[in-house]
Amino acid sequence: TRIDVERMPFYRLGMERGMEQGMERGMALGRGEGEIALLMRLLGYKFGALPSGIRQRIETARAEELALWEQRVLSAKTLDEVFL
């Protein structure tokens, strides 16, 4: 006899959990990419073209750093003041 694994409750539950986790990760990545794009646009509007080192720093930053820099860009007079 052939066992239909897809009908087993533990298989379905595992698949559902995996799909949910995948969706959550995808949404988090999308939010992170949006934060990066927003910060780069704000900095570009205020200070002009960004040096590649700054762009790389932003692209590899954690969410907490991005949020802090987004706040600082509002009051910073120079690009360096954003990244103190």
PDB file of N, CA and C in Angstrom:
ATOM      1  N   THR A   1       0.832  -1.188   0.000  1.00  0.00           N
ATOM      2  CA  THR A   1       0.000   0.000   0.000  1.00  0.00           C
ATOM      3  C   THR A   1       0.873   1.248   0.000  1.00  0.00           C
ATOM      4  N   ARG A   2       0.368   2.266  -0.635  1.00  0.00           N
ATOM      5  CA  ARG A   2       1.073   3.542  -0.740  1.00  0.00           C
ATOM      6  C   ARG A   2       0.522   4.497   0.319  1.00  0.00           C
ATOM      7  N   ILE A   3       1.413   5.143   1.031  1.00  0.00           N
ATOM      8  CA  ILE A   3       0.997   6.111   2.052  1.00  0.00           C
ATOM      9  C   ILE A   3       1.004   7.496   1.418  1.00  0.00           C
ATOM     10  N   ASP A   4      -0.126   8.169   1.495  1.00  0.00           N
ATOM     11  CA  ASP A   4      -0.233   9.522   0.955  1.00  0.00           C
ATOM     12  C   ASP A   4       0.188  10.504   2.049  1.00  0.00           C
ATOM     13  N   VAL A   5       1.466  10.883   2.014  1.00  0.00           N
ATOM     14  CA  VAL A   5       2.043  11.732   3.053  1.00  0.00           C
ATOM     15  C   VAL A   5       1.333  13.083   3.132  1.00  0.00           C
ATOM     16  N   GLU A   6       0.885  13.600   1.997  1.00  0.00           N
ATOM     17  CA  GLU A   6       0.256  14.917   1.985  1.00  0.00           C
ATOM     18  C   GLU A   6      -1.045  14.968   2.768  1.00  0.00           C
ATOM     19  N   ARG A   7      -1.635  13.826   3.025  1.00  0.00           N
ATOM     20  CA  ARG A   7      -2.883  13.807   3.793  1.00  0.00           C
ATOM     21  C   ARG A   7      -2.640  13.688   5.292  1.00  0.00           C
ATOM     22  N   MET A   8      -1.419  13.451   5.683  1.00  0.00           N
ATOM     23  CA  MET A   8      -1.110  13.300   7.103  1.00  0.00           C
ATOM     24  C   MET A   8      -1.112  14.677   7.761  1.00  0.00           C
ATOM     25  N   PRO A   9      -1.759  14.796   8.907  1.00  0.00           N
ATOM     26  CA  PRO A   9      -1.897  16.100   9.573  1.00  0.00           C
ATOM     27  C   PRO A   9      -0.558  16.776   9.871  1.00  0.00           C
ATOM     28  N   PHE A  10       0.431  16.010  10.318  1.00  0.00           N
ATOM     29  CA  PHE A  10       1.711  16.625  10.665  1.00  0.00           C
ATOM     30  C   PHE A  10       2.408  17.178   9.424  1.00  0.00           C
ATOM     31  N   TYR A  11       2.223  16.555   8.292  1.00  0.00           N
ATOM     32  CA  TYR A  11       2.813  17.037   7.041  1.00  0.00           C
ATOM     33  C   TYR A  11       2.181  18.368   6.640  1.00  0.00           C
ATOM     34  N   ARG A  12       0.859  18.409   6.680  1.00  0.00           N
ATOM     35  CA  ARG A  12       0.160  19.649   6.316  1.00  0.00           C
ATOM     36  C   ARG A  12       0.514  20.783   7.267  1.00  0.00           C
ATOM     37  N   LEU A  13       0.555  20.466   8.561  1.00  0.00           N
ATOM     38  CA  LEU A  13       0.890  21.485   9.555  1.00  0.00           C
ATOM     39  C   LEU A  13       2.297  22.026   9.309  1.00  0.00           C
ATOM     40  N   GLY A  14       3.232  21.137   9.040  1.00  0.00           N
ATOM     41  CA  GLY A  14       4.604  21.563   8.754  1.00  0.00           C
ATOM     42  C   GLY A  14       4.685  22.427   7.514  1.00  0.00           C
ATOM     43  N   MET A  15       3.951  22.047   6.495  1.00  0.00           N
ATOM     44  CA  MET A  15       3.939  22.832   5.259  1.00  0.00           C
ATOM     45  C   MET A  15       3.333  24.216   5.499  1.00  0.00           C
ATOM     46  N   GLU A  16       2.242  24.266   6.252  1.00  0.00           N
ATOM     47  CA  GLU A  16       1.596  25.550   6.544  1.00  0.00           C
ATOM     48  C   GLU A  16       2.528  26.464   7.332  1.00  0.00           C
ATOM     49  N   ARG A  17       3.196  25.892   8.329  1.00  0.00           N
ATOM     50  CA  ARG A  17       4.126  26.703   9.125  1.00  0.00           C
ATOM     51  C   ARG A  17       5.279  27.205   8.269  1.00  0.00           C
ATOM     52  N   GLY A  18       5.792  26.347   7.425  1.00  0.00           N
ATOM     53  CA  GLY A  18       6.886  26.745   6.540  1.00  0.00           C
ATOM     54  C   GLY A  18       6.478  27.860   5.598  1.00  0.00           C
ATOM     55  N   MET A  19       5.276  27.757   5.063  1.00  0.00           N
ATOM     56  CA  MET A  19       4.787  28.797   4.157  1.00  0.00           C
ATOM     57  C   MET A  19       4.597  30.120   4.896  1.00  0.00           C
ATOM     58  N   GLU A  20       4.066  30.065   6.117  1.00  0.00           N
ATOM     59  CA  GLU A  20       3.872  31.283   6.913  1.00  0.00           C
ATOM     60  C   GLU A  20       5.210  31.948   7.220  1.00  0.00           C
ATOM     61  N   GLN A  21       6.195  31.132   7.614  1.00  0.00           N
ATOM     62  CA  GLN A  21       7.513  31.684   7.925  1.00  0.00           C
ATOM     63  C   GLN A  21       8.146  32.309   6.685  1.00  0.00           C
ATOM     64  N   GLY A  22       7.977  31.661   5.557  1.00  0.00           N
ATOM     65  CA  GLY A  22       8.511  32.203   4.312  1.00  0.00           C
ATOM     66  C   GLY A  22       7.879  33.535   3.953  1.00  0.00           C
ATOM     67  N   MET A  23       6.571  33.626   4.142  1.00  0.00           N
ATOM     68  CA  MET A  23       5.876  34.884   3.851  1.00  0.00           C
ATOM     69  C   MET A  23       6.334  35.990   4.797  1.00  0.00           C
ATOM     70  N   GLU A  24       6.492  35.658   6.083  1.00  0.00           N
ATOM     71  CA  GLU A  24       6.940  36.652   7.064  1.00  0.00           C
ATOM     72  C   GLU A  24       8.333  37.158   6.718  1.00  0.00           C
ATOM     73  N   ARG A  25       9.228  36.241   6.352  1.00  0.00           N
ATOM     74  CA  ARG A  25      10.586  36.650   5.977  1.00  0.00           C
ATOM     75  C   ARG A  25      10.561  37.539   4.742  1.00  0.00           C
ATOM     76  N   GLY A  26       9.755  37.173   3.778  1.00  0.00           N
ATOM     77  CA  GLY A  26       9.648  37.971   2.557  1.00  0.00           C
ATOM     78  C   GLY A  26       9.127  39.365   2.829  1.00  0.00           C
ATOM     79  N   MET A  27       8.133  39.456   3.698  1.00  0.00           N
ATOM     80  CA  MET A  27       7.579  40.768   4.036  1.00  0.00           C
ATOM     81  C   MET A  27       8.608  41.607   4.786  1.00  0.00           C
ATOM     82  N   ALA A  28       9.356  40.975   5.691  1.00  0.00           N
ATOM     83  CA  ALA A  28      10.382  41.701   6.439  1.00  0.00           C
ATOM     84  C   ALA A  28      11.475  42.203   5.500  1.00  0.00           C
ATOM     85  N   LEU A  29      11.875  41.377   4.555  1.00  0.00           N
ATOM     86  CA  LEU A  29      12.882  41.804   3.581  1.00  0.00           C
ATOM     87  C   LEU A  29      12.370  42.971   2.753  1.00  0.00           C
ATOM     88  N   GLY A  30      11.122  42.905   2.354  1.00  0.00           N
ATOM     89  CA  GLY A  30      10.528  43.989   1.574  1.00  0.00           C
ATOM     90  C   GLY A  30      10.487  45.290   2.350  1.00  0.00           C
ATOM     91  N   ARG A  31      10.136  45.199   3.629  1.00  0.00           N
ATOM     92  CA  ARG A  31      10.120  46.409   4.467  1.00  0.00           C
ATOM     93  C   ARG A  31      11.525  46.978   4.596  1.00  0.00           C
ATOM     94  N   GLY A  32      12.499  46.098   4.803  1.00  0.00           N
ATOM     95  CA  GLY A  32      13.887  46.547   4.928  1.00  0.00           C
ATOM     96  C   GLY A  32      14.379  47.234   3.671  1.00  0.00           C
ATOM     97  N   GLU A  33      14.051  46.668   2.527  1.00  0.00           N
ATOM     98  CA  GLU A  33      14.456  47.277   1.259  1.00  0.00           C
ATOM     99  C   GLU A  33      13.778  48.633   1.069  1.00  0.00           C
ATOM    100  N   GLY A  34      12.545  48.747   1.524  1.00  0.00           N
ATOM    101  CA  GLY A  34      11.839  50.026   1.443  1.00  0.00           C
ATOM    102  C   GLY A  34      12.483  51.083   2.322  1.00  0.00           C
ATOM    103  N   GLU A  35      12.911  50.680   3.520  1.00  0.00           N
ATOM    104  CA  GLU A  35      13.583  51.612   4.430  1.00  0.00           C
ATOM    105  C   GLU A  35      14.896  52.095   3.820  1.00  0.00           C
ATOM    106  N   ILE A  36      15.635  51.181   3.220  1.00  0.00           N
ATOM    107  CA  ILE A  36      16.907  51.533   2.585  1.00  0.00           C
ATOM    108  C   ILE A  36      16.671  52.526   1.454  1.00  0.00           C
ATOM    109  N   ALA A  37      15.700  52.230   0.609  1.00  0.00           N
ATOM    110  CA  ALA A  37      15.402  53.108  -0.528  1.00  0.00           C
ATOM    111  C   ALA A  37      14.963  54.492  -0.052  1.00  0.00           C
ATOM    112  N   LEU A  38      14.129  54.537   0.976  1.00  0.00           N
ATOM    113  CA  LEU A  38      13.662  55.819   1.513  1.00  0.00           C
ATOM    114  C   LEU A  38      14.828  56.648   2.038  1.00  0.00           C
ATOM    115  N   LEU A  39      15.681  56.034   2.838  1.00  0.00           N
ATOM    116  CA  LEU A  39      16.806  56.769   3.411  1.00  0.00           C
ATOM    117  C   LEU A  39      17.734  57.285   2.313  1.00  0.00           C
ATOM    118  N   MET A  40      18.002  56.463   1.318  1.00  0.00           N
ATOM    119  CA  MET A  40      18.881  56.913   0.231  1.00  0.00           C
ATOM    120  C   MET A  40      18.256  58.078  -0.541  1.00  0.00           C
ATOM    121  N   ARG A  41      16.956  58.029  -0.754  1.00  0.00           N
ATOM    122  CA  ARG A  41      16.280  59.136  -1.439  1.00  0.00           C
ATOM    123  C   ARG A  41      16.355  60.418  -0.613  1.00  0.00           C
ATOM    124  N   LEU A  42      16.047  60.310   0.676  1.00  0.00           N
ATOM    125  CA  LEU A  42      16.096  61.492   1.545  1.00  0.00           C
ATOM    126  C   LEU A  42      17.493  62.106   1.569  1.00  0.00           C
ATOM    127  N   LEU A  43      18.494  61.258   1.722  1.00  0.00           N
ATOM    128  CA  LEU A  43      19.867  61.753   1.753  1.00  0.00           C
ATOM    129  C   LEU A  43      20.258  62.374   0.415  1.00  0.00           C
ATOM    130  N   GLY A  44      19.841  61.734  -0.659  1.00  0.00           N
ATOM    131  CA  GLY A  44      20.143  62.265  -1.989  1.00  0.00           C
ATOM    132  C   GLY A  44      19.502  63.620  -2.224  1.00  0.00           C
ATOM    133  N   TYR A  45      18.251  63.778  -1.808  1.00  0.00           N
ATOM    134  CA  TYR A  45      17.566  65.067  -1.957  1.00  0.00           C
ATOM    135  C   TYR A  45      18.278  66.163  -1.167  1.00  0.00           C
ATOM    136  N   LYS A  46      18.723  65.805   0.026  1.00  0.00           N
ATOM    137  CA  LYS A  46      19.286  66.815   0.916  1.00  0.00           C
ATOM    138  C   LYS A  46      20.766  67.101   0.644  1.00  0.00           C
ATOM    139  N   PHE A  47      21.545  66.052   0.319  1.00  0.00           N
ATOM    140  CA  PHE A  47      22.997  66.214   0.219  1.00  0.00           C
ATOM    141  C   PHE A  47      23.575  65.916  -1.164  1.00  0.00           C
ATOM    142  N   GLY A  48      22.745  65.531  -2.103  1.00  0.00           N
ATOM    143  CA  GLY A  48      23.246  65.207  -3.439  1.00  0.00           C
ATOM    144  C   GLY A  48      23.690  63.752  -3.538  1.00  0.00           C
ATOM    145  N   ALA A  49      24.491  63.470  -4.555  1.00  0.00           N
ATOM    146  CA  ALA A  49      24.944  62.095  -4.815  1.00  0.00           C
ATOM    147  C   ALA A  49      25.684  61.531  -3.600  1.00  0.00           C
ATOM    148  N   LEU A  50      25.369  60.296  -3.259  1.00  0.00           N
ATOM    149  CA  LEU A  50      25.971  59.659  -2.092  1.00  0.00           C
ATOM    150  C   LEU A  50      27.236  58.905  -2.481  1.00  0.00           C
ATOM    151  N   PRO A  51      28.288  59.024  -1.663  1.00  0.00           N
ATOM    152  CA  PRO A  51      29.493  58.237  -1.906  1.00  0.00           C
ATOM    153  C   PRO A  51      29.182  56.743  -1.803  1.00  0.00           C
ATOM    154  N   SER A  52      29.924  55.943  -2.535  1.00  0.00           N
ATOM    155  CA  SER A  52      29.656  54.498  -2.542  1.00  0.00           C
ATOM    156  C   SER A  52      29.801  53.881  -1.154  1.00  0.00           C
ATOM    157  N   GLY A  53      30.716  54.395  -0.343  1.00  0.00           N
ATOM    158  CA  GLY A  53      30.883  53.869   1.014  1.00  0.00           C
ATOM    159  C   GLY A  53      29.646  54.079   1.873  1.00  0.00           C
ATOM    160  N   ILE A  54      29.009  55.221   1.713  1.00  0.00           N
ATOM    161  CA  ILE A  54      27.772  55.516   2.450  1.00  0.00           C
ATOM    162  C   ILE A  54      26.653  54.610   1.959  1.00  0.00           C
ATOM    163  N   ARG A  55      26.553  54.451   0.641  1.00  0.00           N
ATOM    164  CA  ARG A  55      25.516  53.574   0.079  1.00  0.00           C
ATOM    165  C   ARG A  55      25.680  52.147   0.610  1.00  0.00           C
ATOM    166  N   GLN A  56      26.910  51.669   0.642  1.00  0.00           N
ATOM    167  CA  GLN A  56      27.168  50.311   1.126  1.00  0.00           C
ATOM    168  C   GLN A  56      26.829  50.199   2.613  1.00  0.00           C
ATOM    169  N   ARG A  57      27.174  51.210   3.373  1.00  0.00           N
ATOM    170  CA  ARG A  57      26.864  51.203   4.810  1.00  0.00           C
ATOM    171  C   ARG A  57      25.359  51.123   5.038  1.00  0.00           C
ATOM    172  N   ILE A  58      24.599  51.869   4.263  1.00  0.00           N
ATOM    173  CA  ILE A  58      23.138  51.853   4.387  1.00  0.00           C
ATOM    174  C   ILE A  58      22.585  50.483   3.997  1.00  0.00           C
ATOM    175  N   GLU A  59      23.093  49.924   2.911  1.00  0.00           N
ATOM    176  CA  GLU A  59      22.589  48.638   2.414  1.00  0.00           C
ATOM    177  C   GLU A  59      22.849  47.485   3.374  1.00  0.00           C
ATOM    178  N   THR A  60      23.861  47.610   4.235  1.00  0.00           N
ATOM    179  CA  THR A  60      24.191  46.526   5.168  1.00  0.00           C
ATOM    180  C   THR A  60      23.766  46.826   6.605  1.00  0.00           C
ATOM    181  N   ALA A  61      23.064  47.929   6.807  1.00  0.00           N
ATOM    182  CA  ALA A  61      22.676  48.349   8.163  1.00  0.00           C
ATOM    183  C   ALA A  61      21.513  47.526   8.710  1.00  0.00           C
ATOM    184  N   ARG A  62      21.447  47.484  10.025  1.00  0.00           N
ATOM    185  CA  ARG A  62      20.317  46.859  10.718  1.00  0.00           C
ATOM    186  C   ARG A  62      19.150  47.846  10.747  1.00  0.00           C
ATOM    187  N   ALA A  63      17.966  47.333  10.998  1.00  0.00           N
ATOM    188  CA  ALA A  63      16.747  48.151  11.012  1.00  0.00           C
ATOM    189  C   ALA A  63      16.845  49.294  12.018  1.00  0.00           C
ATOM    190  N   GLU A  64      17.455  49.041  13.178  1.00  0.00           N
ATOM    191  CA  GLU A  64      17.577  50.071  14.205  1.00  0.00           C
ATOM    192  C   GLU A  64      18.441  51.232  13.714  1.00  0.00           C
ATOM    193  N   GLU A  65      19.525  50.903  13.010  1.00  0.00           N
ATOM    194  CA  GLU A  65      20.396  51.949  12.481  1.00  0.00           C
ATOM    195  C   GLU A  65      19.665  52.779  11.426  1.00  0.00           C
ATOM    196  N   LEU A  66      18.946  52.102  10.547  1.00  0.00           N
ATOM    197  CA  LEU A  66      18.197  52.812   9.510  1.00  0.00           C
ATOM    198  C   LEU A  66      17.207  53.795  10.128  1.00  0.00           C
ATOM    199  N   ALA A  67      16.500  53.354  11.155  1.00  0.00           N
ATOM    200  CA  ALA A  67      15.513  54.217  11.813  1.00  0.00           C
ATOM    201  C   ALA A  67      16.188  55.440  12.443  1.00  0.00           C
ATOM    202  N   LEU A  68      17.323  55.228  13.066  1.00  0.00           N
ATOM    203  CA  LEU A  68      18.058  56.336  13.683  1.00  0.00           C
ATOM    204  C   LEU A  68      18.532  57.327  12.623  1.00  0.00           C
ATOM    205  N   TRP A  69      19.081  56.827  11.538  1.00  0.00           N
ATOM    206  CA  TRP A  69      19.573  57.703  10.469  1.00  0.00           C
ATOM    207  C   TRP A  69      18.427  58.462   9.808  1.00  0.00           C
ATOM    208  N   GLU A  70      17.271  57.812   9.679  1.00  0.00           N
ATOM    209  CA  GLU A  70      16.103  58.495   9.106  1.00  0.00           C
ATOM    210  C   GLU A  70      15.704  59.686   9.967  1.00  0.00           C
ATOM    211  N   GLN A  71      15.810  59.539  11.278  1.00  0.00           N
ATOM    212  CA  GLN A  71      15.491  60.655  12.173  1.00  0.00           C
ATOM    213  C   GLN A  71      16.537  61.758  12.057  1.00  0.00           C
ATOM    214  N   ARG A  72      17.795  61.360  12.015  1.00  0.00           N
ATOM    215  CA  ARG A  72      18.882  62.343  11.977  1.00  0.00           C
ATOM    216  C   ARG A  72      18.898  63.161  10.689  1.00  0.00           C
ATOM    217  N   VAL A  73      18.465  62.564   9.592  1.00  0.00           N
ATOM    218  CA  VAL A  73      18.523  63.284   8.314  1.00  0.00           C
ATOM    219  C   VAL A  73      17.664  64.548   8.362  1.00  0.00           C
ATOM    220  N   LEU A  74      16.663  64.559   9.214  1.00  0.00           N
ATOM    221  CA  LEU A  74      15.778  65.724   9.306  1.00  0.00           C
ATOM    222  C   LEU A  74      16.486  66.955   9.857  1.00  0.00           C
ATOM    223  N   SER A  75      17.405  66.750  10.791  1.00  0.00           N
ATOM    224  CA  SER A  75      18.061  67.898  11.425  1.00  0.00           C
ATOM    225  C   SER A  75      19.532  68.054  11.039  1.00  0.00           C
ATOM    226  N   ALA A  76      20.105  67.075  10.374  1.00  0.00           N
ATOM    227  CA  ALA A  76      21.531  67.123  10.030  1.00  0.00           C
ATOM    228  C   ALA A  76      21.816  68.227   9.019  1.00  0.00           C
ATOM    229  N   LYS A  77      22.931  68.902   9.246  1.00  0.00           N
ATOM    230  CA  LYS A  77      23.367  69.940   8.308  1.00  0.00           C
ATOM    231  C   LYS A  77      24.395  69.385   7.316  1.00  0.00           C
ATOM    232  N   THR A  78      25.015  68.267   7.690  1.00  0.00           N
ATOM    233  CA  THR A  78      25.982  67.610   6.808  1.00  0.00           C
ATOM    234  C   THR A  78      25.692  66.116   6.777  1.00  0.00           C
ATOM    235  N   LEU A  79      26.212  65.458   5.776  1.00  0.00           N
ATOM    236  CA  LEU A  79      26.042  64.011   5.665  1.00  0.00           C
ATOM    237  C   LEU A  79      26.686  63.297   6.847  1.00  0.00           C
ATOM    238  N   ASP A  80      27.833  63.799   7.299  1.00  0.00           N
ATOM    239  CA  ASP A  80      28.517  63.181   8.435  1.00  0.00           C
ATOM    240  C   ASP A  80      27.665  63.205   9.701  1.00  0.00           C
ATOM    241  N   GLU A  81      26.863  64.244   9.889  1.00  0.00           N
ATOM    242  CA  GLU A  81      26.016  64.338  11.085  1.00  0.00           C
ATOM    243  C   GLU A  81      24.968  63.231  11.131  1.00  0.00           C
ATOM    244  N   VAL A  82      24.583  62.723  10.001  1.00  0.00           N
ATOM    245  CA  VAL A  82      23.590  61.639   9.961  1.00  0.00           C
ATOM    246  C   VAL A  82      24.174  60.369  10.559  1.00  0.00           C
ATOM    247  N   PHE A  83      25.463  60.134  10.320  1.00  0.00           N
ATOM    248  CA  PHE A  83      26.085  58.858  10.682  1.00  0.00           C
ATOM    249  C   PHE A  83      27.007  58.947  11.891  1.00  0.00           C
ATOM    250  N   LEU A  84      26.803  59.922  12.765  1.00  0.00           N
ATOM    251  CA  LEU A  84      27.622  60.073  13.980  1.00  0.00           C
ATOM    252  C   LEU A  84      27.720  58.792  14.765  1.00  0.00           C
TER     253      LEU A  84
END
